Protein backbone atom coordinates (compact mmCIF):
# COMPACT_ATOMS: atom_id res chain seq x y z
CA MET A 1 37.71 -16.35 -13.73
CA ARG A 2 38.36 -13.22 -11.66
CA ARG A 3 41.61 -12.36 -10.24
CA VAL A 4 41.70 -13.16 -6.43
CA ILE A 5 44.24 -10.79 -5.39
CA PRO A 6 45.38 -10.92 -1.48
CA VAL A 7 46.37 -7.39 -0.14
CA ARG A 8 49.39 -9.12 1.78
CA GLY A 9 52.86 -9.02 0.49
CA GLU A 10 53.80 -6.49 -2.14
CA VAL A 11 51.99 -3.21 -2.02
CA ALA A 12 49.21 -3.51 -4.42
CA TRP A 13 47.24 -0.30 -5.78
CA PHE A 14 44.19 -1.18 -3.61
CA GLU A 15 46.18 -1.96 -0.40
CA ARG A 16 44.64 1.20 0.97
CA TRP A 17 45.43 0.64 4.86
CA HIS A 18 47.65 -0.82 7.25
CA VAL A 19 46.09 -1.93 10.60
CA TYR A 20 48.20 -2.21 13.70
CA ALA A 21 46.67 -3.64 16.84
CA THR A 22 48.24 -2.99 20.25
CA LYS A 23 46.63 -4.18 23.68
CA SER A 24 44.82 -0.58 23.78
CA LEU A 25 44.52 0.79 20.35
CA PHE A 26 43.74 0.09 16.65
CA VAL A 27 46.10 2.27 14.55
CA ILE A 28 45.02 2.63 10.94
CA LEU A 29 47.70 3.77 8.43
CA GLY A 30 47.25 5.40 5.09
CA ASN A 31 49.77 5.14 2.34
CA PRO A 32 51.45 1.67 3.15
CA GLY A 33 54.06 1.93 0.48
CA ALA A 34 55.59 4.95 2.23
CA LYS A 35 59.47 4.39 3.63
CA VAL A 36 60.45 4.74 7.26
CA GLY A 37 62.78 7.58 6.13
CA ASP A 38 60.22 9.54 4.57
CA ASP A 39 59.55 12.91 6.20
CA CYS A 40 56.10 13.77 4.83
CA GLN A 41 53.28 13.76 7.30
CA HIS A 42 50.98 10.68 6.92
CA PRO A 43 47.50 10.87 8.14
CA PHE A 44 46.30 7.99 10.82
CA ILE A 45 43.45 7.22 13.16
CA ALA A 46 43.76 5.71 16.49
CA ILE A 47 40.68 3.97 18.08
CA SER A 48 40.85 2.82 21.86
CA ARG A 49 40.05 -1.02 22.02
CA GLU A 50 38.27 -0.40 25.36
CA SER A 51 36.06 2.82 24.67
CA GLY A 52 36.05 2.97 20.94
CA VAL A 53 37.01 6.57 21.19
CA ALA A 54 38.73 7.56 17.82
CA ARG A 55 41.26 10.47 16.84
CA GLU A 56 42.75 11.40 13.59
CA SER A 57 46.02 12.93 13.60
CA THR A 58 49.57 13.17 11.16
CA ASP A 59 52.90 12.42 11.82
CA THR A 60 55.85 11.10 10.14
CA LEU A 61 56.30 7.29 9.44
CA GLN A 62 58.95 7.05 11.95
CA GLY A 63 56.98 8.89 14.50
CA ILE A 64 53.98 6.65 14.04
CA LEU A 65 56.21 3.40 14.24
CA GLY A 66 58.04 4.85 17.41
CA LYS A 67 54.71 5.52 19.28
CA LEU A 68 53.48 1.84 18.11
CA SER A 69 57.03 0.42 19.47
CA GLN A 70 56.30 2.28 22.89
CA LEU A 71 52.78 0.60 23.21
CA GLY A 72 54.44 -2.66 22.00
CA ALA A 73 56.94 -3.19 24.68
CA GLY A 74 59.81 -1.82 22.44
CA LYS A 75 58.48 -3.49 19.30
CA ALA A 76 56.02 -2.22 16.65
CA PRO A 77 53.10 -4.81 15.92
CA LYS A 78 52.89 -6.48 12.52
CA PRO A 79 50.48 -4.79 10.44
CA LEU A 80 47.37 -6.17 8.85
CA ALA A 81 47.27 -5.19 5.17
CA CYS A 82 43.78 -3.90 4.37
CA ALA A 83 41.81 -3.14 1.16
CA ALA A 84 38.77 -1.48 3.08
CA ILE A 85 37.64 -0.69 6.58
CA LEU A 86 34.17 -1.58 6.95
CA GLY A 87 33.31 -0.39 10.47
CA CYS A 88 32.54 -1.60 13.75
CA LEU A 89 30.52 -4.59 14.27
CA THR A 90 28.75 -5.39 17.85
CA THR A 91 27.21 -8.80 18.43
CA HIS A 92 26.45 -10.63 21.40
CA LYS A 93 27.75 -7.82 23.53
CA GLN A 94 31.14 -7.99 21.94
CA SER A 95 32.43 -5.40 19.41
CA PHE A 96 35.07 -6.00 16.22
CA LEU A 97 36.66 -3.91 13.89
CA LEU A 98 35.59 -5.12 10.70
CA VAL A 99 38.20 -5.02 7.80
CA VAL A 100 38.55 -6.50 4.14
CA THR A 101 41.81 -8.46 3.44
CA GLU A 102 41.17 -10.13 0.29
CA ALA A 103 39.08 -8.85 -2.69
CA GLN A 104 38.65 -9.73 -6.51
CA VAL A 105 38.60 -7.26 -9.50
CA ALA A 106 35.17 -7.50 -10.65
CA ALA A 107 35.19 -4.73 -13.19
CA ASP A 108 38.11 -2.64 -14.38
CA VAL A 109 37.40 0.11 -17.24
CA ASP A 110 38.09 3.62 -17.90
CA ASP A 111 40.85 3.68 -14.99
CA GLN A 112 38.16 2.92 -12.29
CA ARG A 113 37.95 -0.37 -10.62
CA ILE A 114 35.11 -2.40 -8.73
CA LEU A 115 36.18 -4.89 -6.32
CA GLU A 116 34.33 -7.75 -4.90
CA ILE A 117 34.99 -8.79 -1.24
CA SER A 118 36.45 -12.10 -0.86
CA ARG A 119 37.71 -12.35 2.65
CA CYS A 120 37.35 -10.36 5.94
CA GLU A 121 38.71 -10.19 9.08
CA ALA A 122 36.98 -9.26 12.70
CA LEU A 123 39.22 -7.70 15.31
CA PRO A 124 38.09 -7.78 18.53
CA PHE A 125 37.72 -4.76 21.09
CA CYS A 126 38.53 -5.15 24.83
CA VAL A 127 35.72 -6.14 27.27
CA PRO A 128 34.83 -2.97 29.06
CA GLY A 129 36.41 -2.79 32.08
CA CYS A 130 38.74 -5.59 31.56
CA GLY A 131 41.25 -3.86 29.35
CA VAL A 132 42.45 -6.81 27.35
CA PRO A 133 41.16 -8.01 23.85
CA ALA A 134 38.75 -11.05 24.60
CA ALA A 135 38.32 -14.21 22.38
CA PRO A 136 34.82 -14.36 20.96
CA SER A 137 32.21 -16.14 22.77
CA ALA A 138 30.55 -19.02 21.17
CA ASP A 139 27.57 -17.03 20.20
CA ALA A 140 29.74 -14.43 18.90
CA ALA A 141 31.98 -16.51 17.10
CA ALA A 142 28.98 -18.31 15.41
CA ALA A 143 27.49 -14.79 14.44
CA LEU A 144 30.91 -13.77 12.92
CA ALA A 145 31.27 -16.79 10.94
CA GLY A 146 27.86 -16.05 9.36
CA VAL A 147 28.81 -12.36 8.49
CA ARG A 148 32.04 -13.67 7.01
CA GLN A 149 30.19 -16.00 5.01
CA LEU A 150 27.66 -13.33 3.90
CA LEU A 151 30.38 -10.70 2.89
CA GLY A 152 32.37 -13.53 1.04
CA ARG A 153 30.19 -12.99 -1.79
CA GLY A 154 28.15 -10.57 -3.66
CA PHE A 155 29.45 -7.47 -1.87
CA TYR A 156 31.30 -4.79 -3.90
CA PHE A 157 33.17 -1.53 -3.28
CA SER A 158 35.41 0.89 -5.15
CA GLN A 159 38.15 2.97 -3.98
CA ASP A 160 37.69 5.14 -7.17
CA PHE A 161 34.00 6.49 -7.23
CA ASP A 162 30.69 6.13 -5.64
CA ILE A 163 29.37 2.57 -6.30
CA THR A 164 26.07 3.34 -4.57
CA ARG A 165 24.95 5.69 -6.97
CA ARG A 166 24.17 5.14 -10.77
CA LEU A 167 26.06 7.00 -13.55
CA GLN A 168 23.11 9.64 -13.89
CA ALA A 169 23.11 10.44 -10.34
CA ARG A 170 26.78 10.96 -10.18
CA LEU A 171 26.90 13.03 -13.07
CA GLN A 172 24.10 15.19 -11.71
CA ALA A 173 25.90 15.85 -8.35
CA ASP A 174 28.93 17.72 -7.29
CA PRO A 175 32.05 15.47 -8.00
CA CYS A 176 33.10 13.35 -4.86
CA PRO A 177 36.60 12.78 -4.10
CA PRO A 178 37.86 9.37 -3.12
CA GLU A 179 38.30 10.57 0.72
CA GLU A 180 34.39 11.38 0.85
CA LEU A 181 32.92 8.38 -0.64
CA MET A 182 31.51 7.49 2.67
CA GLU A 183 29.86 10.52 3.42
CA GLY A 184 28.27 10.93 0.29
CA ALA A 185 26.94 7.51 -0.33
CA CYS A 186 23.30 6.91 -0.90
CA ASP A 187 22.19 5.63 2.54
CA ARG A 188 19.99 2.75 0.86
CA PHE A 189 22.70 1.27 -0.80
CA ALA A 190 25.65 1.46 1.65
CA TRP A 191 25.28 -1.52 3.50
CA ASN A 192 28.13 -0.56 6.28
CA ARG A 193 26.48 2.76 6.74
CA PRO A 194 25.22 1.57 10.63
CA LEU A 195 28.95 -0.01 10.98
CA VAL A 196 30.80 3.34 10.56
CA GLU A 197 28.32 5.52 12.35
CA PRO A 198 29.97 5.23 15.74
CA LEU A 199 33.07 6.18 14.42
CA LEU A 200 32.01 9.11 12.07
CA MET A 201 29.82 10.83 14.65
CA GLN A 202 32.85 11.54 16.59
CA GLU A 203 34.19 14.58 16.58
CA GLY A 204 36.83 15.08 14.09
CA VAL A 205 36.47 11.91 12.20
CA THR A 206 36.09 11.99 8.72
CA GLY A 207 34.93 9.40 6.07
CA ARG A 208 38.11 9.06 4.50
CA TRP A 209 38.96 5.69 6.27
CA PHE A 210 36.01 4.02 4.95
CA VAL A 211 34.41 3.19 1.68
CA PRO A 212 30.71 2.11 1.19
CA ILE A 213 29.88 -1.47 0.24
CA VAL A 214 27.11 -2.34 -1.99
CA GLN A 215 25.30 -6.06 -2.00
CA GLY A 216 24.29 -7.10 -5.45
CA PHE A 217 26.11 -7.88 -8.77
CA VAL A 218 28.72 -6.38 -10.86
CA GLN A 219 29.84 -7.89 -14.27
CA LEU A 220 31.82 -6.26 -17.13
CA LYS A 221 32.46 -7.96 -20.55
CA ASP A 222 33.65 -6.55 -23.85
CA PHE A 223 32.15 -7.13 -27.27
CA MET A 224 34.61 -7.53 -30.02
CA MET A 225 34.21 -7.45 -33.72
CA SER A 226 36.36 -9.61 -35.82
CA GLY A 227 39.50 -7.68 -37.09
CA SER A 228 39.54 -5.17 -34.36
CA SER A 229 41.81 -5.01 -31.53
CA VAL A 230 39.79 -2.67 -29.60
CA ALA A 231 36.28 -3.53 -28.44
CA PRO A 232 33.66 -1.12 -30.00
CA LEU A 233 31.42 -1.97 -26.96
CA THR A 234 31.68 -2.58 -23.53
CA LEU A 235 28.78 -3.77 -21.22
CA LEU A 236 28.80 -3.14 -17.39
CA LEU A 237 25.94 -4.57 -15.39
CA ILE A 238 25.46 -3.31 -12.00
CA ALA A 239 22.59 -4.59 -9.39
CA ARG A 240 22.53 -2.65 -6.14
CA ARG A 241 19.97 -4.14 -3.33
CA SER A 242 18.62 -2.10 -0.85
CA ARG A 243 19.61 -2.61 2.74
CA ARG A 244 16.29 -1.18 3.90
CA ARG A 245 13.44 -3.99 4.51
CA ALA A 246 16.43 -6.63 3.88
CA GLY A 247 15.88 -10.15 4.19
CA THR A 248 15.54 -13.55 2.70
CA ARG A 249 12.39 -14.36 0.56
CA TYR A 250 9.83 -15.33 3.54
CA ASN A 251 11.15 -12.96 6.07
CA ALA A 252 11.11 -9.75 4.09
CA ARG A 253 8.07 -9.50 1.73
CA GLY A 254 5.64 -6.55 0.47
CA LEU A 255 5.57 -3.28 2.09
CA ASP A 256 6.65 -1.34 5.51
CA ASP A 257 5.33 1.63 6.95
CA ASP A 258 8.23 3.73 5.53
CA GLY A 259 7.38 3.13 2.18
CA GLU A 260 10.44 0.38 1.63
CA VAL A 261 9.68 -3.06 0.18
CA GLY A 262 11.45 -6.29 0.32
CA ASN A 263 13.99 -7.29 -2.58
CA TRP A 264 14.19 -3.67 -3.79
CA VAL A 265 16.87 -3.85 -6.23
CA GLU A 266 18.02 -1.00 -8.82
CA THR A 267 19.50 -2.29 -11.85
CA GLU A 268 21.92 -0.38 -14.20
CA GLN A 269 22.67 -1.49 -17.58
CA LEU A 270 25.63 0.51 -19.17
CA VAL A 271 27.38 0.51 -22.35
CA ARG A 272 30.56 2.04 -23.27
CA LEU A 273 30.91 2.91 -26.94
CA ARG A 274 34.19 3.41 -28.45
CA ARG A 275 35.12 5.30 -31.86
CA THR A 276 37.57 2.82 -33.16
CA ASN A 277 38.98 2.34 -36.81
CA GLY A 278 36.10 0.12 -37.84
CA PHE A 279 33.77 2.60 -36.39
CA PRO A 280 34.86 5.88 -36.81
CA SER A 281 31.84 7.95 -36.60
CA ALA A 282 30.41 6.13 -33.51
CA PRO A 283 29.75 8.29 -30.29
CA ASP A 284 32.31 7.97 -27.56
CA GLY A 285 31.16 7.39 -23.95
CA TRP A 286 28.65 5.84 -21.59
CA ILE A 287 24.80 5.28 -22.04
CA SER A 288 22.65 3.80 -19.65
CA LEU A 289 19.39 2.49 -18.44
CA ALA A 290 17.91 2.16 -14.94
CA GLN A 291 15.38 -0.15 -13.83
CA LEU A 292 13.89 -1.21 -10.65
CA ARG A 293 12.35 -4.43 -9.28
CA GLY A 294 10.78 -4.79 -5.51
CA SER A 295 8.28 -6.93 -3.90
CA ALA A 296 4.55 -6.04 -4.48
CA PRO A 297 4.11 -2.87 -2.54
CA ILE A 298 1.25 -3.61 -0.27
CA PHE A 299 1.32 -5.41 3.12
CA TRP A 300 1.31 -9.40 2.50
CA GLU A 301 2.90 -12.38 3.76
CA GLN A 302 3.59 -15.83 2.90
CA ALA A 303 4.76 -18.50 5.62
CA SER A 304 6.33 -20.89 3.09
CA ALA A 305 6.07 -21.78 -0.68
CA MET A 306 3.13 -24.17 -0.17
CA ALA A 307 1.06 -21.38 1.87
CA ALA A 308 -1.55 -19.03 0.88
CA VAL A 309 -0.82 -15.36 0.72
CA GLN A 310 -2.00 -13.47 3.63
CA VAL A 311 -2.88 -9.69 2.69
CA THR A 312 -2.18 -8.01 6.35
CA ARG A 313 -3.60 -4.59 5.53
CA GLY A 314 -6.48 -3.36 3.30
CA SER A 315 -5.79 -0.72 0.68
CA HIS A 316 -7.25 2.12 2.55
CA LEU A 317 -5.11 1.21 5.60
CA GLY A 318 -1.98 0.65 3.58
CA GLN A 319 -2.76 3.66 1.43
CA ILE A 320 -0.10 6.17 3.26
CA ALA A 321 2.79 3.46 3.07
CA PHE A 322 2.01 2.93 -0.60
CA GLU A 323 2.08 6.81 -1.40
CA LYS A 324 5.24 7.00 0.63
CA HIS A 325 6.84 4.19 -1.46
CA ARG A 326 5.74 5.74 -4.70
CA GLU A 327 7.03 9.23 -3.77
CA LEU A 328 10.54 7.59 -2.96
CA LEU A 329 10.93 6.34 -6.14
CA GLN A 330 9.54 9.76 -7.96
CA GLN A 331 11.96 11.95 -5.71
CA GLU A 332 15.06 9.54 -6.94
CA TYR A 333 13.99 8.69 -10.63
CA GLY A 334 11.09 10.75 -11.92
CA GLU A 335 8.08 9.24 -13.32
CA VAL A 336 7.44 5.79 -12.18
CA LEU A 337 5.59 2.97 -14.11
CA PHE A 338 4.41 -0.05 -11.92
CA VAL A 339 4.59 -3.41 -14.04
CA ASN A 340 2.77 -6.21 -12.46
CA LEU A 341 3.70 -9.73 -13.97
CA LEU A 342 1.64 -11.78 -11.78
CA SER A 343 -0.36 -14.81 -12.96
CA ASN A 344 -4.24 -14.80 -13.57
CA SER A 345 -4.15 -18.65 -13.35
CA ALA A 346 -6.68 -20.49 -11.51
CA ALA A 347 -4.40 -22.82 -10.10
CA LYS A 348 -2.73 -19.87 -8.34
CA VAL A 349 -5.60 -18.14 -6.90
CA GLU A 350 -4.44 -18.62 -3.22
CA THR A 351 -1.08 -17.07 -3.91
CA GLU A 352 -0.64 -15.13 -7.09
CA GLY A 353 -4.21 -14.35 -7.59
CA ALA A 354 -4.78 -12.95 -4.09
CA LEU A 355 -1.75 -10.81 -4.21
CA LYS A 356 -2.74 -9.66 -7.84
CA GLN A 357 -6.02 -8.60 -7.02
CA ALA A 358 -4.98 -6.87 -3.83
CA LEU A 359 -1.99 -5.01 -5.59
CA LEU A 360 -4.59 -3.78 -8.42
CA VAL A 361 -6.88 -2.56 -5.84
CA GLN A 362 -3.91 -0.29 -4.08
CA LEU A 363 -2.83 0.84 -7.49
CA GLN A 364 -6.38 2.00 -8.84
CA GLN A 365 -7.00 3.85 -5.47
CA SER A 366 -3.96 5.94 -6.17
CA LYS A 367 -4.61 8.98 -8.09
CA SER A 368 -1.01 9.20 -9.03
CA ALA A 369 0.20 5.96 -9.68
CA LYS A 370 0.82 4.75 -13.47
CA TRP A 371 0.73 0.97 -13.74
CA LYS A 372 0.48 -1.80 -16.18
CA HIS A 373 -0.55 -5.50 -15.56
CA LEU A 374 0.70 -8.04 -17.74
CA ASP A 375 0.27 -11.74 -17.16
CA PHE A 376 3.81 -13.06 -18.02
CA HIS A 377 2.81 -16.89 -17.88
CA ALA A 378 -0.44 -16.37 -19.74
CA LYS A 379 1.25 -14.64 -22.73
CA VAL A 380 4.78 -16.16 -22.79
CA THR A 381 4.15 -20.24 -22.86
CA SER A 382 5.89 -21.76 -25.78
CA GLY A 383 9.68 -22.45 -26.36
CA ASP A 384 12.55 -21.58 -28.56
CA THR A 385 11.40 -19.15 -31.44
CA GLU A 386 7.57 -19.02 -30.04
CA PHE A 387 8.81 -17.84 -26.45
CA ASP A 388 11.14 -15.23 -28.12
CA GLN A 389 8.17 -13.72 -30.08
CA GLU A 390 6.02 -13.91 -27.10
CA LEU A 391 8.15 -12.22 -25.10
CA GLU A 392 8.75 -9.16 -27.68
CA ARG A 393 5.10 -8.91 -28.06
CA LEU A 394 4.81 -8.66 -24.13
CA SER A 395 7.63 -6.49 -23.89
CA ARG A 396 6.46 -3.77 -26.45
CA GLN A 397 3.47 -3.12 -24.60
CA LEU A 398 6.01 -1.05 -22.52
CA SER A 399 7.56 0.88 -25.51
CA GLU A 400 5.68 4.01 -24.87
CA TYR A 401 6.89 4.40 -21.65
CA MET A 402 10.43 3.40 -22.82
CA HIS A 403 10.33 6.12 -25.19
CA SER A 404 8.99 8.69 -22.55
CA PHE A 405 11.00 8.07 -19.90
CA GLY A 406 14.33 8.02 -21.95
CA TYR A 407 18.06 6.89 -20.98
CA LEU A 408 21.28 8.54 -20.16
CA ASP A 409 23.25 9.47 -23.01
CA SER A 410 26.66 10.91 -21.92
CA THR A 411 28.40 10.56 -25.18
CA SER A 412 29.01 14.43 -25.02
CA GLU A 413 29.61 17.23 -22.35
CA PRO A 414 27.05 17.83 -21.22
CA PRO A 415 24.98 14.78 -21.83
CA ARG A 416 22.80 14.32 -24.75
CA LYS A 417 19.90 12.85 -22.78
CA TRP A 418 18.83 12.33 -19.54
CA GLN A 419 16.41 9.21 -17.97
CA THR A 420 13.37 10.83 -16.61
CA GLY A 421 11.49 7.86 -15.27
CA VAL A 422 11.74 4.53 -14.37
CA ILE A 423 10.00 1.08 -14.75
CA ARG A 424 9.71 -0.53 -11.72
CA THR A 425 8.68 -4.21 -11.96
CA ASN A 426 7.25 -6.89 -10.16
CA CYS A 427 6.25 -10.74 -10.18
CA PHE A 428 5.74 -12.97 -7.33
CA ASP A 429 9.40 -13.33 -5.73
CA CYS A 430 10.98 -10.63 -8.42
CA LEU A 431 13.26 -13.10 -9.69
CA ASP A 432 12.70 -15.09 -12.99
CA ARG A 433 9.99 -13.33 -14.87
CA THR A 434 11.22 -10.07 -13.78
CA ASN A 435 14.72 -10.80 -14.72
CA LEU A 436 13.35 -11.64 -18.30
CA MET A 437 11.44 -8.81 -18.47
CA GLN A 438 14.14 -6.26 -17.62
CA GLN A 439 16.77 -7.92 -19.67
CA GLN A 440 14.05 -7.67 -22.77
CA LEU A 441 13.54 -4.22 -22.25
CA VAL A 442 17.36 -3.62 -21.90
CA TRP A 443 17.79 -5.30 -25.42
CA MET A 444 14.86 -3.40 -26.75
CA TRP A 445 16.63 -0.20 -25.68
CA LEU A 446 19.92 -1.14 -27.06
CA SER A 447 18.94 -2.30 -30.27
CA SER A 448 16.84 0.73 -30.73
CA PHE A 449 19.84 2.99 -29.97
CA LEU A 450 22.06 1.28 -32.20
CA THR A 451 20.00 1.24 -35.17
CA ALA A 452 19.11 4.95 -34.60
CA GLN A 453 23.04 5.55 -34.85
CA GLY A 454 22.94 4.25 -38.64
CA ALA A 455 24.60 1.36 -40.70
CA GLU A 456 27.62 1.61 -38.96
CA LEU A 457 26.44 0.73 -35.58
CA GLN A 458 23.59 -1.60 -36.99
CA HIS A 459 26.34 -3.96 -37.87
CA LEU A 460 26.85 -4.47 -34.16
CA LEU A 461 23.45 -6.15 -33.98
CA ARG A 462 24.51 -8.60 -36.55
CA GLY A 463 28.24 -9.25 -36.08
CA GLY A 464 30.96 -9.66 -33.40
CA SER A 465 31.66 -12.22 -30.95
CA PRO A 466 31.42 -11.75 -27.05
CA SER A 467 34.86 -11.36 -25.14
CA ARG A 468 35.17 -12.65 -21.69
CA ALA A 469 32.19 -14.67 -22.09
CA THR A 470 30.92 -17.79 -24.04
CA ALA A 471 28.34 -17.23 -26.71
CA GLY A 472 25.44 -19.57 -26.52
CA GLY A 473 26.89 -21.08 -23.30
CA ALA A 474 24.73 -22.85 -20.63
CA ALA A 475 23.58 -19.81 -18.93
CA ALA A 476 19.74 -19.73 -18.16
CA GLY A 477 17.57 -18.69 -20.96
CA ALA A 478 19.40 -19.93 -24.00
CA GLY A 479 17.34 -19.12 -27.24
CA MET A 480 15.31 -16.38 -25.18
CA PHE A 481 15.37 -13.78 -27.58
CA GLY A 482 15.49 -15.98 -31.04
CA ASP A 483 13.54 -13.58 -33.51
CA LEU A 484 13.90 -10.24 -31.98
CA LEU A 485 16.33 -9.15 -34.48
CA GLY A 486 13.51 -9.01 -37.30
CA ASN A 487 15.16 -8.48 -40.71
CA PHE A 488 18.61 -8.63 -39.27
CA GLY A 489 17.94 -12.62 -38.66
CA ASP A 490 18.98 -15.33 -40.88
CA GLY A 491 17.26 -18.42 -39.80
CA GLN A 492 20.07 -19.94 -37.82
CA ALA A 493 20.03 -20.43 -34.24
CA ALA A 494 19.93 -17.42 -31.75
CA SER A 495 23.24 -17.73 -30.41
CA SER A 496 24.76 -17.86 -33.63
CA ARG A 497 22.94 -14.92 -35.33
CA ALA A 498 22.98 -12.61 -32.54
CA PRO A 499 26.32 -12.70 -30.43
CA LEU A 500 25.66 -9.31 -28.80
CA LEU A 501 22.15 -10.56 -27.71
CA SER A 502 23.73 -13.82 -26.49
CA LEU A 503 26.00 -11.68 -24.33
CA ILE A 504 23.43 -9.64 -23.08
CA ARG A 505 21.33 -12.63 -22.18
CA GLU A 506 24.37 -14.51 -20.24
CA MET A 507 25.08 -11.30 -18.42
CA TRP A 508 21.32 -11.25 -17.20
CA ALA A 509 21.37 -14.85 -16.44
CA ASP A 510 24.34 -14.46 -14.29
CA LEU A 511 22.74 -11.63 -12.32
CA GLY A 512 19.48 -13.35 -12.29
CA ASP A 513 21.29 -16.41 -10.49
CA ALA A 514 23.14 -13.97 -8.02
CA LEU A 515 20.12 -12.24 -6.76
CA SER A 516 18.27 -15.18 -6.73
CA LEU A 517 21.12 -16.64 -4.35
CA GLN A 518 20.96 -13.58 -2.28
CA ASN A 519 16.98 -13.67 -1.62
CA THR A 520 16.55 -17.36 -1.55
CA GLY A 521 19.65 -19.06 -1.09
CA ALA A 522 19.46 -20.94 -4.47
CA ALA A 523 20.34 -19.90 -7.94
CA SER A 524 17.54 -18.96 -10.44
CA THR A 525 15.45 -21.81 -12.09
């Protein structure tokens, strides 16, 4: 269970702001733990509730509270403690200041924390010309309820580092101080960017008041070895969904003219290695592997699960948009391999068959695209051990590209290795099959890395026990990787012979459920 920590009451480390609401102003004050007698200058921002005009300034806490008392007829309003300010939301001709009032600790490692939003509040602006904050209309109230429900699960932020960028991108860029996280955020993954722009565009207003939020998934788990008090490995799995061409399964599929695709997700598997008494020669630091998934990059639609696929634009007419998509990936990740897991089955000729054929034509037409078609359902058909072996054989067809593209190894300064390319996978909905393939590639990468370190770290492939997890539990895909350990196997069930593999499988099963819920409204099957 995650710790749900409200930001009300005692000042918590992440209680970043106090929001005071008078009839005419929102006043946001940092450092809520300060004392009234403190003579230090404290930054604040005042936002007109009628015009939206914002102004930053500084004053002593006593001076700020005194001004608030004047605006509140002799008494300062009670502050609302907030973990984050998300920006200004306008719906049905009414505007609101959106703030985070409760959050959960999703990950806490190396003095850096990632929080998941649990609860938001929407504070109304005044109706123009009225000068008095108005209650939401019925339509606005319904819209706000939907926004609160959406933000109540699967949205993350950090006050310590830029969560919108993967570790390699952060290491390659200049350090971003906490007060500049919003300005430095990756636009693709900063879901509240449009909400803060009405304030950031005003002269003198800085991004220090805001943090970017990401939709996706975050999970951190330790891998312990018996007899050790310190985990030699910590696994952190982060998925970031693009806010561009966002929407649910049947509303946002395929490609658009800007080169964006539906269900675009960057997934980053990070592993923290520690030099412990049991592993004195182990590397110390982070390694990571980034992968992508996204809807098949052609113009297509499907009205419902039972409907045929409609390819809405031919390959020549869609070529410019496809090349934009490829170039977007190349600019960010380097080389790109398009992996297509669609089925050749005659039973799916009107859905996956039509999509596969149109996609292959588009890929073949591009002079620069590298691609691989792997019919997942035809190659991975059995259960238990046979399933594991078939999945391994299928994934090994990508080993050449995995080796060529590399991974990030930041266990030294400067990093030993950089990832120079990315595998971009799609199936039909970019959910179950894509998830299985991506977690198999992670296992292939991590087991190869540990094996290359010598006998000391090879032991991690055979022993240990997951912490903060239940090995061999009811997570989707149990038994998925049964015989992938080769000579390390001993003939027992996969969950008992490979605890590290079980831990990876469980994390990726949780990720698959989360992404499926965000894209379809239901957990993965």
